[in-house]
N, C-alpha and C. Protein backbone atom coordinates (compact mmCIF):
# COMPACT_ATOMS: atom_id res chain seq x y z
N HIS A 1 145.40 81.75 -50.22
CA HIS A 1 145.62 82.95 -51.02
C HIS A 1 144.30 83.46 -51.60
N HIS A 2 144.24 84.77 -51.79
CA HIS A 2 143.07 85.38 -52.40
C HIS A 2 143.12 85.34 -53.92
N ALA A 3 144.19 84.81 -54.48
CA ALA A 3 144.32 84.75 -55.94
C ALA A 3 145.16 83.54 -56.31
N ALA A 4 144.92 83.03 -57.50
CA ALA A 4 145.70 81.92 -58.02
C ALA A 4 147.15 82.35 -58.23
N GLU A 5 148.04 81.38 -58.27
CA GLU A 5 149.47 81.67 -58.42
C GLU A 5 149.76 82.51 -59.67
N GLU A 6 149.11 82.18 -60.78
CA GLU A 6 149.36 82.92 -62.02
C GLU A 6 148.94 84.39 -61.88
N SER A 7 147.85 84.63 -61.19
CA SER A 7 147.39 86.01 -60.98
C SER A 7 148.31 86.76 -60.03
N ARG A 8 148.78 86.09 -59.01
CA ARG A 8 149.73 86.73 -58.09
C ARG A 8 151.02 87.10 -58.82
N SER A 9 151.47 86.22 -59.69
CA SER A 9 152.67 86.50 -60.48
C SER A 9 152.45 87.70 -61.40
N ALA A 10 151.26 87.78 -61.99
CA ALA A 10 150.94 88.93 -62.86
C ALA A 10 150.95 90.23 -62.06
N LEU A 11 150.46 90.20 -60.83
CA LEU A 11 150.48 91.38 -59.98
C LEU A 11 151.92 91.77 -59.65
N THR A 12 152.76 90.81 -59.35
CA THR A 12 154.17 91.09 -59.07
C THR A 12 154.84 91.74 -60.28
N GLU A 13 154.52 91.26 -61.47
CA GLU A 13 155.08 91.87 -62.69
C GLU A 13 154.60 93.31 -62.84
N TYR A 14 153.34 93.56 -62.54
CA TYR A 14 152.83 94.93 -62.60
C TYR A 14 153.59 95.82 -61.62
N TYR A 15 153.75 95.35 -60.39
CA TYR A 15 154.47 96.15 -59.39
C TYR A 15 155.92 96.37 -59.80
N ALA A 16 156.54 95.42 -60.48
CA ALA A 16 157.92 95.61 -60.95
C ALA A 16 158.02 96.85 -61.84
N ALA A 17 156.99 97.09 -62.63
CA ALA A 17 156.98 98.25 -63.51
C ALA A 17 156.48 99.52 -62.80
N ALA A 18 155.61 99.37 -61.81
CA ALA A 18 154.95 100.53 -61.20
C ALA A 18 155.67 101.12 -60.00
N LEU A 19 156.31 100.28 -59.21
CA LEU A 19 156.93 100.78 -57.98
C LEU A 19 158.18 101.58 -58.29
N PRO A 20 158.35 102.75 -57.66
CA PRO A 20 159.51 103.58 -57.95
C PRO A 20 160.78 103.04 -57.29
N ASP A 21 161.89 103.06 -58.02
CA ASP A 21 163.17 102.65 -57.44
C ASP A 21 163.50 103.55 -56.27
N ASN A 22 163.90 102.92 -55.17
CA ASN A 22 164.25 103.63 -53.94
C ASN A 22 163.13 104.51 -53.41
N GLY A 23 161.88 104.18 -53.76
CA GLY A 23 160.74 104.96 -53.32
C GLY A 23 160.25 104.55 -51.95
N ALA A 24 159.39 105.39 -51.41
CA ALA A 24 158.70 105.12 -50.16
C ALA A 24 157.31 104.61 -50.51
N VAL A 25 156.98 103.40 -50.06
CA VAL A 25 155.75 102.72 -50.45
C VAL A 25 154.96 102.31 -49.21
N LEU A 26 153.65 102.45 -49.30
CA LEU A 26 152.73 102.00 -48.25
C LEU A 26 151.80 100.95 -48.84
N ASP A 27 151.71 99.80 -48.18
CA ASP A 27 150.78 98.75 -48.59
C ASP A 27 149.71 98.65 -47.51
N ILE A 28 148.46 99.03 -47.86
CA ILE A 28 147.36 98.95 -46.88
C ILE A 28 146.65 97.61 -47.03
N CYS A 29 146.00 97.19 -45.96
CA CYS A 29 145.32 95.89 -45.91
C CYS A 29 146.31 94.77 -46.20
N SER A 30 147.51 94.92 -45.70
CA SER A 30 148.60 94.00 -45.98
C SER A 30 148.49 92.76 -45.08
N SER A 31 149.31 91.77 -45.38
CA SER A 31 149.34 90.54 -44.59
C SER A 31 150.72 89.92 -44.70
N TRP A 32 150.80 88.61 -44.58
CA TRP A 32 152.07 87.89 -44.59
C TRP A 32 152.69 87.80 -45.97
N THR A 33 151.89 87.95 -47.00
CA THR A 33 152.38 87.82 -48.36
C THR A 33 152.70 89.19 -48.92
N SER A 34 153.85 89.29 -49.56
CA SER A 34 154.16 90.51 -50.31
C SER A 34 154.05 90.18 -51.78
N HIS A 35 153.39 91.04 -52.52
CA HIS A 35 153.30 90.86 -53.96
C HIS A 35 154.35 91.69 -54.68
N TYR A 36 155.21 92.37 -53.92
CA TYR A 36 156.26 93.18 -54.51
C TYR A 36 157.40 92.26 -54.99
N PRO A 37 158.05 92.62 -56.08
CA PRO A 37 159.18 91.81 -56.55
C PRO A 37 160.32 91.83 -55.53
N LYS A 38 160.96 90.70 -55.35
CA LYS A 38 162.06 90.62 -54.39
C LYS A 38 163.21 91.55 -54.74
N GLU A 39 163.42 91.76 -56.04
CA GLU A 39 164.55 92.58 -56.47
C GLU A 39 164.28 94.09 -56.40
N THR A 40 163.04 94.48 -56.11
CA THR A 40 162.72 95.91 -56.00
C THR A 40 163.36 96.49 -54.75
N LYS A 41 164.10 97.57 -54.92
CA LYS A 41 164.76 98.24 -53.80
C LYS A 41 163.94 99.47 -53.43
N LEU A 42 163.40 99.45 -52.22
CA LEU A 42 162.60 100.56 -51.73
C LEU A 42 163.32 101.22 -50.56
N SER A 43 163.21 102.53 -50.45
CA SER A 43 163.81 103.22 -49.30
C SER A 43 162.97 102.99 -48.05
N ARG A 44 161.67 102.75 -48.26
CA ARG A 44 160.75 102.53 -47.15
C ARG A 44 159.60 101.68 -47.65
N CYS A 45 159.22 100.69 -46.87
CA CYS A 45 158.06 99.86 -47.19
C CYS A 45 157.24 99.70 -45.91
N ALA A 46 156.29 100.61 -45.74
CA ALA A 46 155.39 100.56 -44.59
C ALA A 46 154.21 99.68 -44.96
N ILE A 47 153.83 98.78 -44.06
CA ILE A 47 152.66 97.94 -44.29
C ILE A 47 151.69 98.13 -43.14
N LEU A 48 150.41 98.06 -43.47
CA LEU A 48 149.36 98.27 -42.48
C LEU A 48 148.32 97.18 -42.72
N GLY A 49 147.93 96.48 -41.65
CA GLY A 49 146.95 95.41 -41.79
C GLY A 49 146.33 95.05 -40.46
N LEU A 50 145.58 93.95 -40.48
CA LEU A 50 144.78 93.55 -39.32
C LEU A 50 145.51 92.66 -38.31
N ASN A 51 146.52 91.91 -38.75
CA ASN A 51 147.07 90.85 -37.93
C ASN A 51 148.57 91.03 -37.73
N ALA A 52 148.98 91.26 -36.50
CA ALA A 52 150.39 91.52 -36.20
C ALA A 52 151.29 90.37 -36.63
N PHE A 53 150.87 89.13 -36.40
CA PHE A 53 151.71 87.99 -36.75
C PHE A 53 151.91 87.90 -38.27
N GLU A 54 150.86 88.17 -39.03
CA GLU A 54 150.99 88.16 -40.48
C GLU A 54 151.90 89.29 -40.95
N LEU A 55 151.74 90.47 -40.38
CA LEU A 55 152.57 91.60 -40.78
C LEU A 55 154.05 91.33 -40.47
N LEU A 56 154.33 90.72 -39.34
CA LEU A 56 155.71 90.38 -39.00
C LEU A 56 156.35 89.46 -40.02
N ALA A 57 155.55 88.58 -40.62
CA ALA A 57 156.08 87.62 -41.59
C ALA A 57 156.28 88.21 -42.98
N ASN A 58 155.77 89.39 -43.24
CA ASN A 58 155.85 89.99 -44.58
C ASN A 58 157.31 90.34 -44.89
N PRO A 59 157.88 89.78 -45.96
CA PRO A 59 159.31 89.97 -46.23
C PRO A 59 159.67 91.35 -46.78
N SER A 60 158.73 92.12 -47.26
CA SER A 60 159.05 93.41 -47.88
C SER A 60 159.09 94.57 -46.91
N LYS A 61 158.52 94.42 -45.75
CA LYS A 61 158.32 95.54 -44.83
C LYS A 61 159.62 96.11 -44.28
N THR A 62 159.61 97.40 -44.05
CA THR A 62 160.62 98.03 -43.22
C THR A 62 159.99 98.50 -41.90
N GLU A 63 158.65 98.58 -41.91
CA GLU A 63 157.90 98.95 -40.71
C GLU A 63 156.47 98.43 -40.87
N TRP A 64 155.77 98.26 -39.76
CA TRP A 64 154.40 97.75 -39.84
C TRP A 64 153.54 98.36 -38.75
N THR A 65 152.23 98.41 -39.05
CA THR A 65 151.24 98.95 -38.13
C THR A 65 149.98 98.11 -38.21
N VAL A 66 149.44 97.74 -37.06
CA VAL A 66 148.15 97.05 -37.02
C VAL A 66 147.05 98.11 -36.99
N ARG A 67 146.12 98.00 -37.93
CA ARG A 67 145.01 98.96 -37.98
C ARG A 67 143.88 98.34 -38.79
N ASN A 68 142.67 98.43 -38.25
CA ASN A 68 141.47 98.05 -38.99
C ASN A 68 140.91 99.32 -39.61
N LEU A 69 141.10 99.47 -40.90
CA LEU A 69 140.66 100.69 -41.59
C LEU A 69 139.14 100.81 -41.63
N ASN A 70 138.43 99.73 -41.42
CA ASN A 70 136.97 99.82 -41.39
C ASN A 70 136.45 100.43 -40.10
N THR A 71 137.24 100.39 -39.03
CA THR A 71 136.83 101.04 -37.79
C THR A 71 137.56 102.35 -37.57
N ASN A 72 138.76 102.48 -38.15
CA ASN A 72 139.54 103.71 -38.03
C ASN A 72 140.23 103.98 -39.37
N PRO A 73 139.57 104.72 -40.25
CA PRO A 73 140.11 104.91 -41.60
C PRO A 73 141.26 105.92 -41.70
N LYS A 74 141.67 106.53 -40.60
CA LYS A 74 142.78 107.49 -40.64
C LYS A 74 144.11 106.73 -40.72
N LEU A 75 144.91 107.06 -41.73
CA LEU A 75 146.22 106.44 -41.86
C LEU A 75 147.19 107.13 -40.91
N PRO A 76 147.98 106.35 -40.16
CA PRO A 76 148.85 106.91 -39.12
C PRO A 76 150.19 107.43 -39.66
N TYR A 77 150.11 108.23 -40.72
CA TYR A 77 151.31 108.76 -41.38
C TYR A 77 151.09 110.23 -41.66
N GLY A 78 152.19 110.95 -41.87
CA GLY A 78 152.12 112.36 -42.18
C GLY A 78 151.72 112.63 -43.62
N ASP A 79 151.49 113.87 -43.92
CA ASP A 79 151.13 114.29 -45.27
C ASP A 79 152.30 114.06 -46.23
N ALA A 80 151.97 113.61 -47.44
CA ALA A 80 152.94 113.50 -48.55
C ALA A 80 154.19 112.71 -48.19
N GLU A 81 154.03 111.58 -47.52
CA GLU A 81 155.17 110.74 -47.14
C GLU A 81 155.52 109.67 -48.16
N PHE A 82 154.59 109.29 -49.03
CA PHE A 82 154.79 108.11 -49.87
C PHE A 82 154.74 108.42 -51.36
N ASP A 83 155.58 107.71 -52.10
CA ASP A 83 155.57 107.79 -53.57
C ASP A 83 154.48 106.92 -54.16
N CYS A 84 154.12 105.87 -53.43
CA CYS A 84 153.13 104.91 -53.94
C CYS A 84 152.38 104.29 -52.77
N VAL A 85 151.08 104.08 -52.95
CA VAL A 85 150.25 103.34 -51.99
C VAL A 85 149.59 102.21 -52.76
N THR A 86 149.67 101.00 -52.21
CA THR A 86 149.05 99.84 -52.85
C THR A 86 148.03 99.19 -51.92
N ASN A 87 147.10 98.49 -52.53
CA ASN A 87 146.16 97.64 -51.82
C ASN A 87 146.00 96.41 -52.71
N SER A 88 146.53 95.31 -52.23
CA SER A 88 146.53 94.08 -53.02
C SER A 88 145.43 93.14 -52.52
N LEU A 89 144.34 93.09 -53.25
CA LEU A 89 143.30 92.09 -53.07
C LEU A 89 142.40 92.31 -51.87
N SER A 90 142.24 93.58 -51.44
CA SER A 90 141.34 93.85 -50.31
C SER A 90 140.48 95.08 -50.48
N VAL A 91 140.53 95.74 -51.61
CA VAL A 91 139.73 96.96 -51.79
C VAL A 91 138.24 96.66 -51.67
N ASP A 92 137.84 95.44 -51.97
CA ASP A 92 136.43 95.05 -51.92
C ASP A 92 135.89 94.90 -50.50
N TYR A 93 136.76 94.96 -49.49
CA TYR A 93 136.34 94.82 -48.10
C TYR A 93 136.26 96.15 -47.36
N LEU A 94 136.61 97.25 -48.03
CA LEU A 94 136.62 98.56 -47.36
C LEU A 94 135.21 99.10 -47.20
N THR A 95 134.79 99.32 -45.95
CA THR A 95 133.43 99.81 -45.68
C THR A 95 133.36 101.34 -45.67
N LYS A 96 134.51 102.00 -45.63
CA LYS A 96 134.57 103.47 -45.67
C LYS A 96 135.54 103.90 -46.77
N PRO A 97 135.27 103.47 -48.00
CA PRO A 97 136.26 103.67 -49.06
C PRO A 97 136.58 105.12 -49.37
N ILE A 98 135.61 106.00 -49.36
CA ILE A 98 135.89 107.39 -49.71
C ILE A 98 136.79 108.02 -48.65
N GLU A 99 136.52 107.76 -47.39
CA GLU A 99 137.39 108.27 -46.32
C GLU A 99 138.80 107.73 -46.47
N ILE A 100 138.91 106.45 -46.77
CA ILE A 100 140.24 105.82 -46.90
C ILE A 100 140.96 106.36 -48.14
N PHE A 101 140.26 106.54 -49.24
CA PHE A 101 140.90 107.08 -50.44
C PHE A 101 141.33 108.54 -50.24
N LYS A 102 140.59 109.29 -49.44
CA LYS A 102 141.03 110.65 -49.09
C LYS A 102 142.32 110.59 -48.27
N GLU A 103 142.41 109.61 -47.39
CA GLU A 103 143.63 109.41 -46.61
C GLU A 103 144.79 108.98 -47.51
N ILE A 104 144.52 108.12 -48.47
CA ILE A 104 145.56 107.72 -49.42
C ILE A 104 146.09 108.96 -50.14
N ARG A 105 145.18 109.81 -50.60
CA ARG A 105 145.59 111.05 -51.26
C ARG A 105 146.45 111.89 -50.32
N ARG A 106 146.06 112.01 -49.06
CA ARG A 106 146.79 112.84 -48.10
C ARG A 106 148.22 112.35 -47.91
N VAL A 107 148.43 111.04 -47.80
CA VAL A 107 149.77 110.52 -47.51
C VAL A 107 150.64 110.39 -48.76
N LEU A 108 150.04 110.47 -49.94
CA LEU A 108 150.82 110.42 -51.18
C LEU A 108 151.49 111.76 -51.45
N LYS A 109 152.69 111.70 -52.01
CA LYS A 109 153.35 112.90 -52.51
C LYS A 109 152.62 113.37 -53.76
N PRO A 110 152.66 114.65 -54.10
CA PRO A 110 152.06 115.10 -55.36
C PRO A 110 152.62 114.29 -56.53
N GLY A 111 151.74 113.79 -57.36
CA GLY A 111 152.13 112.94 -58.48
C GLY A 111 152.30 111.48 -58.10
N GLY A 112 152.17 111.17 -56.80
CA GLY A 112 152.32 109.79 -56.33
C GLY A 112 151.24 108.88 -56.88
N LEU A 113 151.54 107.60 -56.94
CA LEU A 113 150.68 106.60 -57.55
C LEU A 113 149.97 105.76 -56.50
N ALA A 114 148.67 105.54 -56.70
CA ALA A 114 147.89 104.61 -55.87
C ALA A 114 147.41 103.48 -56.77
N CYS A 115 147.60 102.23 -56.34
CA CYS A 115 147.25 101.05 -57.13
C CYS A 115 146.37 100.13 -56.29
N MET A 116 145.17 99.85 -56.79
CA MET A 116 144.24 98.96 -56.11
C MET A 116 144.04 97.72 -56.97
N ALA A 117 144.52 96.58 -56.51
CA ALA A 117 144.47 95.34 -57.29
C ALA A 117 143.39 94.42 -56.74
N PHE A 118 142.69 93.74 -57.66
CA PHE A 118 141.68 92.78 -57.23
C PHE A 118 141.53 91.68 -58.27
N THR A 119 140.91 90.62 -57.82
CA THR A 119 140.61 89.48 -58.68
C THR A 119 139.14 89.13 -58.48
N ASN A 120 138.73 87.99 -58.98
CA ASN A 120 137.32 87.62 -58.82
C ASN A 120 137.09 86.68 -57.63
N ARG A 121 138.06 86.53 -56.77
CA ARG A 121 137.88 85.75 -55.55
C ARG A 121 137.57 86.70 -54.40
N CYS A 122 136.64 86.29 -53.56
CA CYS A 122 136.35 87.09 -52.37
C CYS A 122 135.57 86.22 -51.39
N PHE A 123 135.36 86.76 -50.21
CA PHE A 123 134.47 86.16 -49.23
C PHE A 123 133.17 86.94 -49.32
N PRO A 124 132.14 86.39 -49.99
CA PRO A 124 130.91 87.16 -50.22
C PRO A 124 130.26 87.71 -48.95
N SER A 125 130.44 87.04 -47.85
CA SER A 125 129.82 87.53 -46.61
C SER A 125 130.58 88.72 -46.01
N LYS A 126 131.80 89.02 -46.53
CA LYS A 126 132.62 90.09 -45.98
C LYS A 126 132.78 91.30 -46.89
N VAL A 127 132.55 91.13 -48.19
CA VAL A 127 132.74 92.26 -49.10
C VAL A 127 131.58 93.24 -48.96
N VAL A 128 131.81 94.48 -49.42
CA VAL A 128 130.74 95.47 -49.41
C VAL A 128 129.69 95.07 -50.44
N ASN A 129 128.44 95.42 -50.16
CA ASN A 129 127.33 94.97 -51.01
C ASN A 129 127.48 95.36 -52.47
N THR A 130 128.00 96.55 -52.73
CA THR A 130 128.11 97.00 -54.12
C THR A 130 129.03 96.10 -54.95
N TRP A 131 129.91 95.35 -54.29
CA TRP A 131 130.83 94.47 -55.00
C TRP A 131 130.11 93.28 -55.62
N LEU A 132 128.98 92.92 -55.07
CA LEU A 132 128.30 91.68 -55.49
C LEU A 132 127.30 91.87 -56.63
N ASN A 133 126.86 93.09 -56.88
CA ASN A 133 125.78 93.29 -57.85
C ASN A 133 126.09 94.39 -58.85
N PRO A 134 126.40 94.09 -60.09
CA PRO A 134 126.66 92.75 -60.61
C PRO A 134 128.09 92.31 -60.29
N TYR A 135 128.31 91.03 -60.25
CA TYR A 135 129.61 90.48 -59.91
C TYR A 135 130.43 90.29 -61.19
N THR A 136 130.95 91.41 -61.72
CA THR A 136 131.76 91.35 -62.94
C THR A 136 133.01 92.20 -62.74
N ASP A 137 134.06 91.88 -63.49
CA ASP A 137 135.29 92.65 -63.40
C ASP A 137 135.08 94.09 -63.83
N ASP A 138 134.28 94.31 -64.88
CA ASP A 138 134.00 95.68 -65.33
C ASP A 138 133.33 96.50 -64.24
N HIS A 139 132.34 95.91 -63.59
CA HIS A 139 131.65 96.62 -62.50
C HIS A 139 132.63 96.93 -61.37
N HIS A 140 133.46 95.97 -61.00
CA HIS A 140 134.42 96.18 -59.92
C HIS A 140 135.39 97.31 -60.27
N ALA A 141 135.87 97.34 -61.50
CA ALA A 141 136.78 98.41 -61.93
C ALA A 141 136.09 99.77 -61.83
N ARG A 142 134.81 99.83 -62.23
CA ARG A 142 134.07 101.09 -62.14
C ARG A 142 133.90 101.52 -60.68
N VAL A 143 133.63 100.58 -59.81
CA VAL A 143 133.47 100.89 -58.38
C VAL A 143 134.75 101.52 -57.84
N VAL A 144 135.88 100.90 -58.11
CA VAL A 144 137.15 101.41 -57.58
C VAL A 144 137.51 102.74 -58.23
N ALA A 145 137.30 102.88 -59.52
CA ALA A 145 137.56 104.16 -60.19
C ALA A 145 136.70 105.27 -59.57
N ASN A 146 135.47 104.94 -59.21
CA ASN A 146 134.60 105.92 -58.57
C ASN A 146 135.07 106.28 -57.17
N TYR A 147 135.70 105.36 -56.47
CA TYR A 147 136.29 105.70 -55.17
C TYR A 147 137.32 106.81 -55.36
N PHE A 148 138.20 106.66 -56.35
CA PHE A 148 139.19 107.71 -56.63
C PHE A 148 138.49 109.02 -57.00
N TYR A 149 137.52 108.94 -57.90
CA TYR A 149 136.83 110.13 -58.38
C TYR A 149 136.14 110.88 -57.24
N HIS A 150 135.40 110.16 -56.40
CA HIS A 150 134.64 110.80 -55.34
C HIS A 150 135.50 111.24 -54.16
N ALA A 151 136.66 110.63 -53.99
CA ALA A 151 137.59 111.11 -52.95
C ALA A 151 138.19 112.45 -53.37
N GLY A 152 138.30 112.67 -54.66
CA GLY A 152 138.85 113.93 -55.18
C GLY A 152 140.35 113.99 -55.08
N GLY A 153 140.93 114.85 -55.92
CA GLY A 153 142.37 115.06 -55.86
C GLY A 153 143.21 114.01 -56.56
N PHE A 154 142.58 113.20 -57.41
CA PHE A 154 143.30 112.20 -58.18
C PHE A 154 143.14 112.49 -59.67
N THR A 155 144.17 112.18 -60.44
CA THR A 155 144.12 112.31 -61.89
C THR A 155 144.57 110.99 -62.52
N ASP A 156 144.46 110.93 -63.81
CA ASP A 156 144.96 109.77 -64.57
C ASP A 156 144.41 108.44 -64.03
N ILE A 157 143.14 108.41 -63.70
CA ILE A 157 142.53 107.16 -63.23
C ILE A 157 142.53 106.18 -64.40
N SER A 158 143.08 105.00 -64.18
CA SER A 158 143.21 104.03 -65.26
C SER A 158 142.94 102.62 -64.77
N VAL A 159 142.65 101.74 -65.71
CA VAL A 159 142.42 100.34 -65.40
C VAL A 159 143.39 99.50 -66.22
N ALA A 160 144.08 98.58 -65.56
CA ALA A 160 144.98 97.66 -66.25
C ALA A 160 144.48 96.24 -66.02
N ASP A 161 144.24 95.53 -67.10
CA ASP A 161 143.90 94.11 -67.01
C ASP A 161 145.21 93.34 -67.15
N CYS A 162 145.70 92.86 -66.03
CA CYS A 162 146.97 92.13 -66.00
C CYS A 162 146.74 90.63 -65.83
N SER A 163 145.59 90.19 -66.27
CA SER A 163 145.24 88.77 -66.14
C SER A 163 146.29 87.91 -66.81
N PRO A 164 146.53 86.72 -66.28
CA PRO A 164 147.53 85.84 -66.88
C PRO A 164 147.26 85.60 -68.36
N THR A 165 148.32 85.45 -69.11
CA THR A 165 148.22 85.19 -70.54
C THR A 165 147.39 83.92 -70.76
N GLY A 166 146.46 84.02 -71.68
CA GLY A 166 145.63 82.87 -71.99
C GLY A 166 144.48 82.66 -71.04
N TRP A 167 144.15 83.70 -70.24
CA TRP A 167 143.06 83.55 -69.29
C TRP A 167 141.78 83.19 -70.02
N THR A 168 141.12 82.14 -69.60
CA THR A 168 139.91 81.67 -70.28
C THR A 168 138.76 81.49 -69.32
N GLY A 169 138.84 82.10 -68.17
CA GLY A 169 137.80 81.93 -67.18
C GLY A 169 138.10 80.82 -66.20
N MET A 170 139.18 80.10 -66.42
CA MET A 170 139.56 79.01 -65.53
C MET A 170 140.50 79.49 -64.41
N GLN A 171 141.12 80.64 -64.62
CA GLN A 171 142.01 81.22 -63.62
C GLN A 171 141.41 82.53 -63.16
N ASN A 172 142.03 83.09 -62.15
CA ASN A 172 141.58 84.40 -61.69
C ASN A 172 142.12 85.49 -62.59
N PRO A 173 141.29 86.47 -62.90
CA PRO A 173 141.82 87.66 -63.57
C PRO A 173 142.63 88.47 -62.55
N MET A 174 143.37 89.44 -63.02
CA MET A 174 144.06 90.37 -62.14
C MET A 174 143.84 91.76 -62.72
N ILE A 175 143.08 92.57 -62.00
CA ILE A 175 142.72 93.91 -62.44
C ILE A 175 143.33 94.91 -61.46
N ILE A 176 143.93 95.97 -62.00
CA ILE A 176 144.47 97.03 -61.17
C ILE A 176 143.87 98.35 -61.62
N VAL A 177 143.26 99.07 -60.68
CA VAL A 177 142.78 100.43 -60.93
C VAL A 177 143.79 101.34 -60.23
N ALA A 178 144.36 102.25 -61.00
CA ALA A 178 145.40 103.13 -60.48
C ALA A 178 145.05 104.59 -60.75
N ALA A 179 145.64 105.47 -59.97
CA ALA A 179 145.44 106.91 -60.16
C ALA A 179 146.64 107.63 -59.53
N ARG A 180 146.84 108.86 -59.97
CA ARG A 180 147.91 109.69 -59.41
C ARG A 180 147.32 110.82 -58.58
N ARG A 181 148.01 111.14 -57.50
CA ARG A 181 147.59 112.30 -56.71
C ARG A 181 147.85 113.54 -57.53
N SER A 182 146.88 114.42 -57.56
CA SER A 182 147.05 115.69 -58.27
C SER A 182 148.19 116.47 -57.68
N SER A 183 148.86 117.24 -58.51
CA SER A 183 150.01 118.04 -58.03
C SER A 183 149.53 119.24 -57.24
């Protein structure tokens, strides 16, 4: 896992509050693990990731697509199809973030929510260089907020620290940078 159990649970709690009931949701950079609450009822849960076998194992999906967004950042969906787009623990690996965030904006419905979650675990040899210097949660939140800002068409850019209660540096934090598509 890219995050400790307590951090994954905190992300699931965040999604319980953020995901729209009976909404259409897209999870990019997805894999075999779903961080969505089991009790959340979605009308559509499209997942997109690198590995077909992992995507098949994801329990939340209603549909799946294999795509490497670093080589092809175009999302294979129509305009304004989703109420929410999530990226759980992989925003730090996007090599074309502005292009991808523009695509997120395109596939979101007006007022739709985009949530980018991350922790302090990563593969340093695979993350984008800006993620490493300085290697702090504040810097990472600013980087992701700037992706939304520079992609344009997003409002209400916010940061939520959903780190497990009592976090003392011994567990992973859980940070979510979210924004809404402009109407």
